[in-house]
Amino acid sequence: MKIEQLQHDLTSIIEDLLEAKPLGENHVLVFGTSTSEIIGQQIGSAGSEEVAIALYETIEGVRQKHGFSVAFQCCEHLNRALVIEREVAERFDWPEVTVVPVPRAGGAMASNAFRKMHDAVVVEAIRADAGIDIGDTFIGMHLKPVAVPVRPRVKQLGEAHVTMAVTRPKLVGGFRAVYERTLLEESCH
């Protein structure tokens, strides 16, 4: 498996998501990543530090360019808790929990992110604006309530299936409700 190809494909995947919903400094993008699935193994069975390091570098490069925050979902052994920077946890009032993710309890991606991020902490739950799921890790529990699927051009990263979603505010009201600002003037007459 070529690391350069994984990095190229991941960049393409993130760009597809950002095309569907531009993310900036007030947004959080959650990643669920099975490095085992990427290398063609069963989820949770053969995590790859090499893959985790390469993916983190790619994500961080795109993140710096656009300014959004990132969260990395841990594996089921940590109840899918998330690694984020302390500043993000404080800004969104997400309480910190005490645990240090390691490859066998947290996963290769989350443990690598915990080591690489500036002042990383772990929280139990968030409400992210968008998410990318690599290897069917089920990130939906960490998205805001109305998730809208986004279809990436690259549907696999290595051997892992990729799904992703952006969120939008709930539509409320009945048959008289107006949902687009461009229709506001028309509806007032």
N, C-alpha and C. Protein backbone atom coordinates (compact mmCIF):
# COMPACT_ATOMS: atom_id res chain seq x y z
N MET A 1 0.85 -1.18 0.00
CA MET A 1 0.00 0.00 0.00
C MET A 1 0.89 1.23 0.00
N LYS A 2 0.65 2.12 -0.94
CA LYS A 2 1.48 3.31 -1.07
C LYS A 2 0.91 4.43 -0.21
N ILE A 3 1.72 4.93 0.70
CA ILE A 3 1.32 6.01 1.61
C ILE A 3 0.94 7.26 0.82
N GLU A 4 1.72 7.56 -0.22
CA GLU A 4 1.44 8.77 -1.01
C GLU A 4 0.05 8.71 -1.65
N GLN A 5 -0.37 7.52 -2.08
CA GLN A 5 -1.69 7.36 -2.67
C GLN A 5 -2.77 7.56 -1.62
N LEU A 6 -2.57 7.02 -0.43
CA LEU A 6 -3.52 7.22 0.66
C LEU A 6 -3.68 8.71 0.97
N GLN A 7 -2.56 9.42 1.03
CA GLN A 7 -2.61 10.85 1.33
C GLN A 7 -3.32 11.62 0.23
N HIS A 8 -3.05 11.27 -1.01
CA HIS A 8 -3.71 11.92 -2.14
C HIS A 8 -5.21 11.66 -2.10
N ASP A 9 -5.60 10.41 -1.87
CA ASP A 9 -7.02 10.05 -1.83
C ASP A 9 -7.73 10.73 -0.66
N LEU A 10 -7.08 10.79 0.49
CA LEU A 10 -7.69 11.44 1.65
C LEU A 10 -7.89 12.93 1.40
N THR A 11 -6.94 13.57 0.77
CA THR A 11 -7.09 14.99 0.42
C THR A 11 -8.30 15.17 -0.48
N SER A 12 -8.46 14.32 -1.46
CA SER A 12 -9.61 14.38 -2.37
C SER A 12 -10.93 14.19 -1.61
N ILE A 13 -10.95 13.25 -0.69
CA ILE A 13 -12.14 12.98 0.12
C ILE A 13 -12.53 14.21 0.94
N ILE A 14 -11.55 14.79 1.61
CA ILE A 14 -11.82 15.98 2.44
C ILE A 14 -12.28 17.14 1.56
N GLU A 15 -11.66 17.32 0.41
CA GLU A 15 -12.06 18.41 -0.49
C GLU A 15 -13.50 18.22 -0.98
N ASP A 16 -13.93 16.99 -1.24
CA ASP A 16 -15.31 16.73 -1.62
C ASP A 16 -16.27 17.15 -0.51
N LEU A 17 -15.91 16.84 0.71
CA LEU A 17 -16.75 17.24 1.83
C LEU A 17 -16.81 18.77 1.96
N LEU A 18 -15.66 19.42 1.83
CA LEU A 18 -15.61 20.88 1.95
C LEU A 18 -16.34 21.58 0.81
N GLU A 19 -16.44 20.92 -0.32
CA GLU A 19 -17.22 21.47 -1.42
C GLU A 19 -18.71 21.44 -1.08
N ALA A 20 -19.14 20.37 -0.39
CA ALA A 20 -20.54 20.26 0.01
C ALA A 20 -20.88 21.23 1.14
N LYS A 21 -19.95 21.45 2.05
CA LYS A 21 -20.14 22.37 3.17
C LYS A 21 -18.79 22.95 3.55
N PRO A 22 -18.53 24.19 3.19
CA PRO A 22 -17.27 24.82 3.60
C PRO A 22 -17.19 24.88 5.13
N LEU A 23 -16.07 24.50 5.68
CA LEU A 23 -15.86 24.53 7.12
C LEU A 23 -14.77 25.53 7.45
N GLY A 24 -14.98 26.30 8.51
CA GLY A 24 -14.01 27.29 8.96
C GLY A 24 -13.78 27.18 10.44
N GLU A 25 -13.33 28.26 11.04
CA GLU A 25 -12.87 28.24 12.43
C GLU A 25 -13.95 27.91 13.46
N ASN A 26 -15.21 28.06 13.13
CA ASN A 26 -16.29 27.74 14.06
C ASN A 26 -16.89 26.35 13.86
N HIS A 27 -16.22 25.52 13.07
CA HIS A 27 -16.73 24.19 12.75
C HIS A 27 -15.80 23.09 13.24
N VAL A 28 -16.40 21.93 13.49
CA VAL A 28 -15.63 20.74 13.88
C VAL A 28 -15.94 19.62 12.89
N LEU A 29 -14.88 19.00 12.41
CA LEU A 29 -14.96 17.85 11.51
C LEU A 29 -14.48 16.62 12.28
N VAL A 30 -15.34 15.62 12.42
CA VAL A 30 -14.97 14.41 13.14
C VAL A 30 -14.53 13.33 12.16
N PHE A 31 -13.47 12.63 12.54
CA PHE A 31 -12.95 11.51 11.76
C PHE A 31 -13.07 10.23 12.57
N GLY A 32 -13.64 9.22 11.97
CA GLY A 32 -13.58 7.87 12.51
C GLY A 32 -12.74 7.09 11.52
N THR A 33 -11.67 6.49 12.00
CA THR A 33 -10.72 5.87 11.07
C THR A 33 -10.24 4.52 11.58
N SER A 34 -10.44 3.50 10.79
CA SER A 34 -9.87 2.19 11.09
C SER A 34 -8.67 1.98 10.17
N THR A 35 -7.49 2.10 10.75
CA THR A 35 -6.29 1.84 9.94
C THR A 35 -6.22 0.36 9.58
N SER A 36 -6.81 -0.50 10.41
CA SER A 36 -6.87 -1.93 10.07
C SER A 36 -7.62 -2.14 8.77
N GLU A 37 -8.79 -1.52 8.66
CA GLU A 37 -9.60 -1.65 7.44
C GLU A 37 -8.85 -1.08 6.23
N ILE A 38 -8.15 0.02 6.42
CA ILE A 38 -7.40 0.63 5.31
C ILE A 38 -6.40 -0.35 4.73
N ILE A 39 -5.75 -1.12 5.60
CA ILE A 39 -4.75 -2.07 5.10
C ILE A 39 -5.35 -3.44 4.78
N GLY A 40 -6.68 -3.53 4.78
CA GLY A 40 -7.34 -4.75 4.34
C GLY A 40 -7.58 -5.78 5.42
N GLN A 41 -7.51 -5.39 6.67
CA GLN A 41 -7.75 -6.31 7.78
C GLN A 41 -9.07 -5.94 8.47
N GLN A 42 -9.54 -6.81 9.34
CA GLN A 42 -10.78 -6.57 10.07
C GLN A 42 -10.57 -5.42 11.06
N ILE A 43 -11.59 -4.57 11.18
CA ILE A 43 -11.54 -3.44 12.09
C ILE A 43 -11.08 -3.88 13.48
N GLY A 44 -10.14 -3.12 14.04
CA GLY A 44 -9.65 -3.40 15.39
C GLY A 44 -8.63 -4.51 15.50
N SER A 45 -8.16 -5.05 14.38
CA SER A 45 -7.29 -6.22 14.46
C SER A 45 -5.83 -5.98 14.12
N ALA A 46 -5.53 -4.93 13.37
CA ALA A 46 -4.15 -4.77 12.88
C ALA A 46 -3.81 -3.31 12.63
N GLY A 47 -4.09 -2.46 13.60
CA GLY A 47 -3.85 -1.02 13.44
C GLY A 47 -2.46 -0.70 12.93
N SER A 48 -2.36 0.33 12.11
CA SER A 48 -1.09 0.71 11.50
C SER A 48 -0.69 2.11 11.92
N GLU A 49 0.39 2.20 12.69
CA GLU A 49 0.93 3.50 13.08
C GLU A 49 1.40 4.28 11.85
N GLU A 50 2.01 3.59 10.91
CA GLU A 50 2.50 4.25 9.69
C GLU A 50 1.35 4.93 8.94
N VAL A 51 0.25 4.24 8.80
CA VAL A 51 -0.92 4.81 8.12
C VAL A 51 -1.49 5.96 8.95
N ALA A 52 -1.60 5.78 10.26
CA ALA A 52 -2.14 6.83 11.13
C ALA A 52 -1.32 8.11 11.03
N ILE A 53 -0.02 7.98 11.04
CA ILE A 53 0.87 9.15 10.95
C ILE A 53 0.66 9.88 9.63
N ALA A 54 0.61 9.14 8.54
CA ALA A 54 0.44 9.74 7.21
C ALA A 54 -0.92 10.43 7.09
N LEU A 55 -1.97 9.79 7.59
CA LEU A 55 -3.30 10.40 7.50
C LEU A 55 -3.39 11.64 8.37
N TYR A 56 -2.81 11.59 9.56
CA TYR A 56 -2.84 12.76 10.43
C TYR A 56 -2.15 13.95 9.76
N GLU A 57 -1.00 13.71 9.17
CA GLU A 57 -0.28 14.79 8.47
C GLU A 57 -1.15 15.39 7.36
N THR A 58 -1.84 14.55 6.63
CA THR A 58 -2.71 15.02 5.55
C THR A 58 -3.87 15.84 6.10
N ILE A 59 -4.53 15.32 7.11
CA ILE A 59 -5.66 16.03 7.72
C ILE A 59 -5.20 17.37 8.28
N GLU A 60 -4.09 17.37 8.96
CA GLU A 60 -3.57 18.60 9.56
C GLU A 60 -3.24 19.64 8.49
N GLY A 61 -2.71 19.22 7.37
CA GLY A 61 -2.42 20.16 6.28
C GLY A 61 -3.67 20.83 5.75
N VAL A 62 -4.73 20.05 5.54
CA VAL A 62 -5.99 20.61 5.06
C VAL A 62 -6.63 21.47 6.15
N ARG A 63 -6.57 21.01 7.40
CA ARG A 63 -7.15 21.76 8.51
C ARG A 63 -6.53 23.14 8.64
N GLN A 64 -5.22 23.21 8.55
CA GLN A 64 -4.54 24.50 8.66
C GLN A 64 -4.95 25.45 7.54
N LYS A 65 -5.15 24.92 6.37
CA LYS A 65 -5.56 25.73 5.22
C LYS A 65 -6.95 26.33 5.41
N HIS A 66 -7.87 25.56 6.00
CA HIS A 66 -9.26 26.00 6.11
C HIS A 66 -9.65 26.50 7.49
N GLY A 67 -8.90 26.11 8.53
CA GLY A 67 -9.13 26.65 9.86
C GLY A 67 -10.13 25.92 10.73
N PHE A 68 -10.74 24.84 10.26
CA PHE A 68 -11.71 24.11 11.09
C PHE A 68 -10.97 23.32 12.17
N SER A 69 -11.71 22.86 13.16
CA SER A 69 -11.15 22.00 14.21
C SER A 69 -11.45 20.55 13.85
N VAL A 70 -10.66 19.64 14.42
CA VAL A 70 -10.86 18.22 14.15
C VAL A 70 -11.03 17.45 15.45
N ALA A 71 -11.75 16.35 15.34
CA ALA A 71 -11.92 15.40 16.43
C ALA A 71 -11.66 14.02 15.85
N PHE A 72 -11.02 13.18 16.63
CA PHE A 72 -10.72 11.81 16.19
C PHE A 72 -11.40 10.83 17.13
N GLN A 73 -12.31 10.04 16.56
CA GLN A 73 -13.06 9.08 17.36
C GLN A 73 -12.17 7.90 17.73
N CYS A 74 -12.21 7.55 19.01
CA CYS A 74 -11.52 6.35 19.49
C CYS A 74 -12.35 5.12 19.16
N CYS A 75 -11.76 3.97 19.33
CA CYS A 75 -12.46 2.72 19.05
C CYS A 75 -13.46 2.37 20.16
N GLU A 76 -14.15 1.28 19.97
CA GLU A 76 -15.20 0.87 20.91
C GLU A 76 -14.67 0.58 22.31
N HIS A 77 -13.38 0.25 22.46
CA HIS A 77 -12.82 -0.04 23.78
C HIS A 77 -12.80 1.21 24.66
N LEU A 78 -12.88 2.38 24.05
CA LEU A 78 -13.01 3.63 24.81
C LEU A 78 -14.38 4.25 24.55
N ASN A 79 -15.35 3.40 24.20
CA ASN A 79 -16.74 3.84 23.98
C ASN A 79 -16.85 4.96 22.95
N ARG A 80 -15.98 4.95 21.97
CA ARG A 80 -15.98 5.92 20.89
C ARG A 80 -15.84 7.37 21.39
N ALA A 81 -15.10 7.53 22.49
CA ALA A 81 -14.75 8.87 22.96
C ALA A 81 -13.92 9.55 21.88
N LEU A 82 -13.64 10.83 22.06
CA LEU A 82 -12.98 11.60 21.00
C LEU A 82 -11.76 12.36 21.49
N VAL A 83 -10.75 12.42 20.64
CA VAL A 83 -9.56 13.21 20.90
C VAL A 83 -9.74 14.55 20.21
N ILE A 84 -9.62 15.62 21.00
CA ILE A 84 -9.68 16.99 20.46
C ILE A 84 -8.68 17.85 21.22
N GLU A 85 -8.46 19.04 20.74
CA GLU A 85 -7.60 19.98 21.46
C GLU A 85 -8.37 20.60 22.62
N ARG A 86 -7.68 20.83 23.72
CA ARG A 86 -8.30 21.39 24.92
C ARG A 86 -9.07 22.68 24.61
N GLU A 87 -8.51 23.52 23.78
CA GLU A 87 -9.16 24.80 23.44
C GLU A 87 -10.52 24.56 22.80
N VAL A 88 -10.63 23.54 21.97
CA VAL A 88 -11.90 23.21 21.31
C VAL A 88 -12.90 22.69 22.34
N ALA A 89 -12.45 21.81 23.23
CA ALA A 89 -13.32 21.29 24.28
C ALA A 89 -13.86 22.44 25.14
N GLU A 90 -13.01 23.37 25.48
CA GLU A 90 -13.44 24.50 26.31
C GLU A 90 -14.37 25.43 25.55
N ARG A 91 -14.07 25.69 24.28
CA ARG A 91 -14.91 26.59 23.48
C ARG A 91 -16.33 26.07 23.34
N PHE A 92 -16.48 24.76 23.16
CA PHE A 92 -17.80 24.16 22.97
C PHE A 92 -18.39 23.58 24.26
N ASP A 93 -17.67 23.72 25.37
CA ASP A 93 -18.11 23.23 26.68
C ASP A 93 -18.36 21.72 26.66
N TRP A 94 -17.40 21.00 26.09
CA TRP A 94 -17.44 19.54 26.09
C TRP A 94 -16.52 19.06 27.20
N PRO A 95 -17.06 18.42 28.25
CA PRO A 95 -16.24 18.04 29.39
C PRO A 95 -15.20 16.97 29.07
N GLU A 96 -14.02 17.19 29.60
CA GLU A 96 -12.91 16.26 29.44
C GLU A 96 -13.12 15.03 30.32
N VAL A 97 -12.67 13.87 29.83
CA VAL A 97 -12.63 12.65 30.62
C VAL A 97 -11.17 12.22 30.75
N THR A 98 -10.90 11.34 31.68
CA THR A 98 -9.53 10.92 31.94
C THR A 98 -9.27 9.57 31.30
N VAL A 99 -8.49 9.60 30.24
CA VAL A 99 -8.01 8.39 29.58
C VAL A 99 -6.96 8.81 28.57
N VAL A 100 -6.02 7.94 28.32
CA VAL A 100 -5.01 8.18 27.29
C VAL A 100 -5.18 7.10 26.24
N PRO A 101 -5.60 7.46 25.02
CA PRO A 101 -5.75 6.46 23.97
C PRO A 101 -4.40 5.85 23.57
N VAL A 102 -4.41 4.55 23.43
CA VAL A 102 -3.24 3.81 22.94
C VAL A 102 -3.72 2.94 21.78
N PRO A 103 -2.83 2.44 20.96
CA PRO A 103 -3.29 1.67 19.79
C PRO A 103 -4.26 0.53 20.10
N ARG A 104 -4.10 -0.20 21.20
CA ARG A 104 -4.97 -1.34 21.49
C ARG A 104 -6.22 -0.95 22.28
N ALA A 105 -6.31 0.30 22.71
CA ALA A 105 -7.50 0.80 23.41
C ALA A 105 -7.65 2.27 23.04
N GLY A 106 -8.25 2.48 21.90
CA GLY A 106 -8.38 3.83 21.35
C GLY A 106 -8.18 3.80 19.85
N GLY A 107 -7.25 3.00 19.41
CA GLY A 107 -6.96 2.85 17.99
C GLY A 107 -5.74 3.63 17.56
N ALA A 108 -5.15 3.20 16.46
CA ALA A 108 -3.91 3.83 15.97
C ALA A 108 -4.11 5.30 15.63
N MET A 109 -5.24 5.62 14.99
CA MET A 109 -5.48 7.01 14.57
C MET A 109 -5.66 7.93 15.78
N ALA A 110 -6.53 7.55 16.70
CA ALA A 110 -6.80 8.39 17.88
C ALA A 110 -5.56 8.51 18.77
N SER A 111 -4.83 7.43 18.95
CA SER A 111 -3.64 7.50 19.80
C SER A 111 -2.56 8.37 19.16
N ASN A 112 -2.43 8.28 17.84
CA ASN A 112 -1.48 9.14 17.15
C ASN A 112 -1.90 10.61 17.27
N ALA A 113 -3.18 10.89 17.06
CA ALA A 113 -3.68 12.26 17.17
C ALA A 113 -3.45 12.80 18.58
N PHE A 114 -3.66 11.97 19.60
CA PHE A 114 -3.46 12.40 20.99
C PHE A 114 -2.01 12.83 21.21
N ARG A 115 -1.08 12.12 20.60
CA ARG A 115 0.35 12.47 20.74
C ARG A 115 0.72 13.71 19.93
N LYS A 116 0.08 13.89 18.77
CA LYS A 116 0.49 14.96 17.84
C LYS A 116 -0.21 16.30 18.09
N MET A 117 -1.44 16.27 18.58
CA MET A 117 -2.20 17.51 18.74
C MET A 117 -1.58 18.37 19.84
N HIS A 118 -1.81 19.67 19.70
CA HIS A 118 -1.38 20.61 20.73
C HIS A 118 -2.36 20.51 21.90
N ASP A 119 -1.90 20.07 23.06
CA ASP A 119 -2.70 20.00 24.28
C ASP A 119 -3.99 19.19 24.07
N ALA A 120 -3.84 17.95 23.66
CA ALA A 120 -4.97 17.06 23.40
C ALA A 120 -5.66 16.63 24.68
N VAL A 121 -6.96 16.47 24.58
CA VAL A 121 -7.78 15.91 25.66
C VAL A 121 -8.76 14.93 25.02
N VAL A 122 -9.43 14.16 25.87
CA VAL A 122 -10.46 13.24 25.40
C VAL A 122 -11.79 13.67 26.01
N VAL A 123 -12.82 13.65 25.18
CA VAL A 123 -14.19 13.95 25.63
C VAL A 123 -15.08 12.79 25.22
N GLU A 124 -16.23 12.65 25.90
CA GLU A 124 -17.11 11.53 25.61
C GLU A 124 -17.97 11.72 24.38
N ALA A 125 -18.38 12.97 24.14
CA ALA A 125 -19.32 13.21 23.04
C ALA A 125 -19.16 14.63 22.54
N ILE A 126 -19.47 14.83 21.26
CA ILE A 126 -19.46 16.15 20.65
C ILE A 126 -20.66 16.23 19.71
N ARG A 127 -20.85 17.38 19.12
CA ARG A 127 -21.84 17.60 18.07
C ARG A 127 -21.10 18.27 16.92
N ALA A 128 -20.52 17.47 16.04
CA ALA A 128 -19.70 17.97 14.94
C ALA A 128 -20.57 18.46 13.79
N ASP A 129 -20.01 19.33 12.98
CA ASP A 129 -20.68 19.91 11.82
C ASP A 129 -20.60 19.00 10.60
N ALA A 130 -19.64 18.09 10.61
CA ALA A 130 -19.44 17.18 9.48
C ALA A 130 -18.57 16.03 9.97
N GLY A 131 -18.59 14.95 9.20
CA GLY A 131 -17.79 13.80 9.59
C GLY A 131 -17.37 12.95 8.41
N ILE A 132 -16.23 12.32 8.58
CA ILE A 132 -15.72 11.37 7.59
C ILE A 132 -15.45 10.06 8.31
N ASP A 133 -16.07 9.00 7.82
CA ASP A 133 -15.97 7.68 8.42
C ASP A 133 -15.19 6.78 7.46
N ILE A 134 -14.04 6.34 7.90
CA ILE A 134 -13.16 5.52 7.08
C ILE A 134 -13.08 4.13 7.71
N GLY A 135 -13.76 3.17 7.11
CA GLY A 135 -13.73 1.81 7.62
C GLY A 135 -14.93 1.44 8.47
N ASP A 136 -16.04 2.14 8.27
CA ASP A 136 -17.30 1.83 8.96
C ASP A 136 -17.16 1.84 10.48
N THR A 137 -16.67 2.94 11.02
CA THR A 137 -16.48 3.10 12.46
C THR A 137 -17.70 3.71 13.15
N PHE A 138 -18.69 4.16 12.38
CA PHE A 138 -19.96 4.70 12.89
C PHE A 138 -19.79 5.97 13.72
N ILE A 139 -19.57 7.07 13.02
CA ILE A 139 -19.38 8.37 13.67
C ILE A 139 -20.68 9.13 13.88
N GLY A 140 -21.79 8.61 13.39
CA GLY A 140 -23.05 9.34 13.42
C GLY A 140 -23.45 9.86 14.78
N MET A 141 -23.08 9.16 15.84
CA MET A 141 -23.43 9.58 17.19
C MET A 141 -22.77 10.90 17.57
N HIS A 142 -21.78 11.34 16.79
CA HIS A 142 -21.06 12.56 17.12
C HIS A 142 -21.38 13.72 16.17
N LEU A 143 -22.41 13.57 15.35
CA LEU A 143 -22.82 14.63 14.43
C LEU A 143 -24.03 15.37 14.99
N LYS A 144 -24.19 16.62 14.58
CA LYS A 144 -25.40 17.37 14.92
C LYS A 144 -26.60 16.60 14.37
N PRO A 145 -27.80 16.88 14.88
CA PRO A 145 -28.97 16.02 14.59
C PRO A 145 -29.34 15.78 13.13
N VAL A 146 -29.19 16.72 12.23
CA VAL A 146 -29.63 16.46 10.85
C VAL A 146 -28.39 16.27 9.96
N ALA A 147 -28.07 15.02 9.70
CA ALA A 147 -26.91 14.69 8.86
C ALA A 147 -27.37 14.44 7.43
N VAL A 148 -26.60 14.97 6.49
CA VAL A 148 -26.89 14.83 5.07
C VAL A 148 -25.71 14.11 4.43
N PRO A 149 -25.92 12.95 3.81
CA PRO A 149 -24.81 12.23 3.20
C PRO A 149 -24.15 13.02 2.07
N VAL A 150 -22.85 12.86 1.96
CA VAL A 150 -22.07 13.44 0.87
C VAL A 150 -21.37 12.27 0.19
N ARG A 151 -21.46 12.22 -1.11
CA ARG A 151 -20.84 11.13 -1.87
C ARG A 151 -19.47 11.57 -2.38
N PRO A 152 -18.40 10.96 -1.84
CA PRO A 152 -17.07 11.33 -2.32
C PRO A 152 -16.77 10.67 -3.67
N ARG A 153 -15.90 11.31 -4.43
CA ARG A 153 -15.46 10.70 -5.68
C ARG A 153 -14.65 9.44 -5.39
N VAL A 154 -13.82 9.50 -4.35
CA VAL A 154 -13.03 8.35 -3.91
C VAL A 154 -13.84 7.65 -2.84
N LYS A 155 -14.29 6.44 -3.11
CA LYS A 155 -15.21 5.74 -2.21
C LYS A 155 -14.51 4.79 -1.24
N GLN A 156 -13.21 4.61 -1.41
CA GLN A 156 -12.41 3.78 -0.53
C GLN A 156 -11.09 4.47 -0.25
N LEU A 157 -10.58 4.28 0.95
CA LEU A 157 -9.24 4.72 1.30
C LEU A 157 -8.47 3.45 1.59
N GLY A 158 -7.55 3.11 0.70
CA GLY A 158 -6.94 1.78 0.77
C GLY A 158 -8.05 0.78 0.54
N GLU A 159 -8.24 -0.13 1.49
CA GLU A 159 -9.30 -1.14 1.40
C GLU A 159 -10.55 -0.77 2.20
N ALA A 160 -10.53 0.40 2.84
CA ALA A 160 -11.62 0.79 3.74
C ALA A 160 -12.71 1.58 3.01
N HIS A 161 -13.94 1.23 3.29
CA HIS A 161 -15.12 1.93 2.79
C HIS A 161 -15.18 3.33 3.41
N VAL A 162 -15.51 4.35 2.61
CA VAL A 162 -15.59 5.73 3.10
C VAL A 162 -17.02 6.24 2.96
N THR A 163 -17.55 6.77 4.06
CA THR A 163 -18.82 7.49 4.03
C THR A 163 -18.58 8.82 4.73
N MET A 164 -19.41 9.80 4.38
CA MET A 164 -19.27 11.08 5.05
C MET A 164 -20.58 11.83 5.02
N ALA A 165 -20.67 12.83 5.89
CA ALA A 165 -21.89 13.61 6.00
C ALA A 165 -21.57 15.01 6.47
N VAL A 166 -22.43 15.93 6.08
CA VAL A 166 -22.43 17.28 6.63
C VAL A 166 -23.74 17.42 7.39
N THR A 167 -23.85 18.45 8.19
CA THR A 167 -25.09 18.65 8.94
C THR A 167 -25.72 19.96 8.51
N ARG A 168 -27.01 20.07 8.81
CA ARG A 168 -27.74 21.30 8.55
C ARG A 168 -28.72 21.52 9.69
N PRO A 169 -29.19 22.75 9.88
CA PRO A 169 -30.20 22.97 10.91
C PRO A 169 -31.48 22.23 10.58
N LYS A 170 -32.25 21.90 11.60
CA LYS A 170 -33.54 21.24 11.41
C LYS A 170 -34.49 22.16 10.66
N LEU A 171 -35.33 21.59 9.82
CA LEU A 171 -36.41 22.33 9.19
C LEU A 171 -37.62 22.23 10.12
N VAL A 172 -38.14 23.37 10.56
CA VAL A 172 -39.29 23.36 11.46
C VAL A 172 -40.44 24.12 10.82
N GLY A 173 -41.64 23.84 11.23
CA GLY A 173 -42.81 24.53 10.69
C GLY A 173 -43.70 23.59 9.93
N GLY A 174 -44.70 24.15 9.34
CA GLY A 174 -45.66 23.36 8.59
C GLY A 174 -45.70 23.77 7.14
N PHE A 175 -46.86 23.61 6.51
CA PHE A 175 -46.97 23.85 5.07
C PHE A 175 -46.76 25.32 4.71
N ARG A 176 -46.86 26.24 5.65
CA ARG A 176 -46.64 27.67 5.36
C ARG A 176 -45.18 28.09 5.58
N ALA A 177 -44.39 27.22 6.09
CA ALA A 177 -43.01 27.56 6.43
C ALA A 177 -42.19 27.88 5.17
N VAL A 178 -41.26 28.81 5.33
CA VAL A 178 -40.33 29.21 4.27
C VAL A 178 -38.93 28.83 4.75
N TYR A 179 -38.16 28.18 3.90
CA TYR A 179 -36.86 27.68 4.31
C TYR A 179 -35.68 28.39 3.65
N GLU A 180 -35.92 29.21 2.66
CA GLU A 180 -34.82 29.90 1.99
C GLU A 180 -35.02 31.40 2.11
N ARG A 181 -33.96 32.11 2.47
CA ARG A 181 -34.03 33.56 2.62
C ARG A 181 -34.42 34.25 1.31
N THR A 182 -34.07 33.65 0.20
CA THR A 182 -34.40 34.25 -1.11
C THR A 182 -35.89 34.29 -1.34
N LEU A 183 -36.65 33.44 -0.63
CA LEU A 183 -38.10 33.40 -0.80
C LEU A 183 -38.82 34.28 0.23
N LEU A 184 -38.06 34.94 1.11
CA LEU A 184 -38.65 35.72 2.17
C LEU A 184 -39.59 36.83 1.64
N GLU A 185 -39.13 37.60 0.69
CA GLU A 185 -39.96 38.70 0.15
C GLU A 185 -41.24 38.19 -0.47
N GLU A 186 -41.14 37.10 -1.22
CA GLU A 186 -42.33 36.53 -1.87
C GLU A 186 -43.36 36.07 -0.85
N SER A 187 -42.90 35.51 0.26
CA SER A 187 -43.83 34.95 1.25
C SER A 187 -44.50 36.03 2.09
N CYS A 188 -43.97 37.23 2.09
CA CYS A 188 -44.55 38.31 2.90
C CYS A 188 -45.70 39.00 2.17
N HIS A 189 -45.94 38.69 0.94
CA HIS A 189 -46.99 39.36 0.16
C HIS A 189 -48.21 38.51 0.01
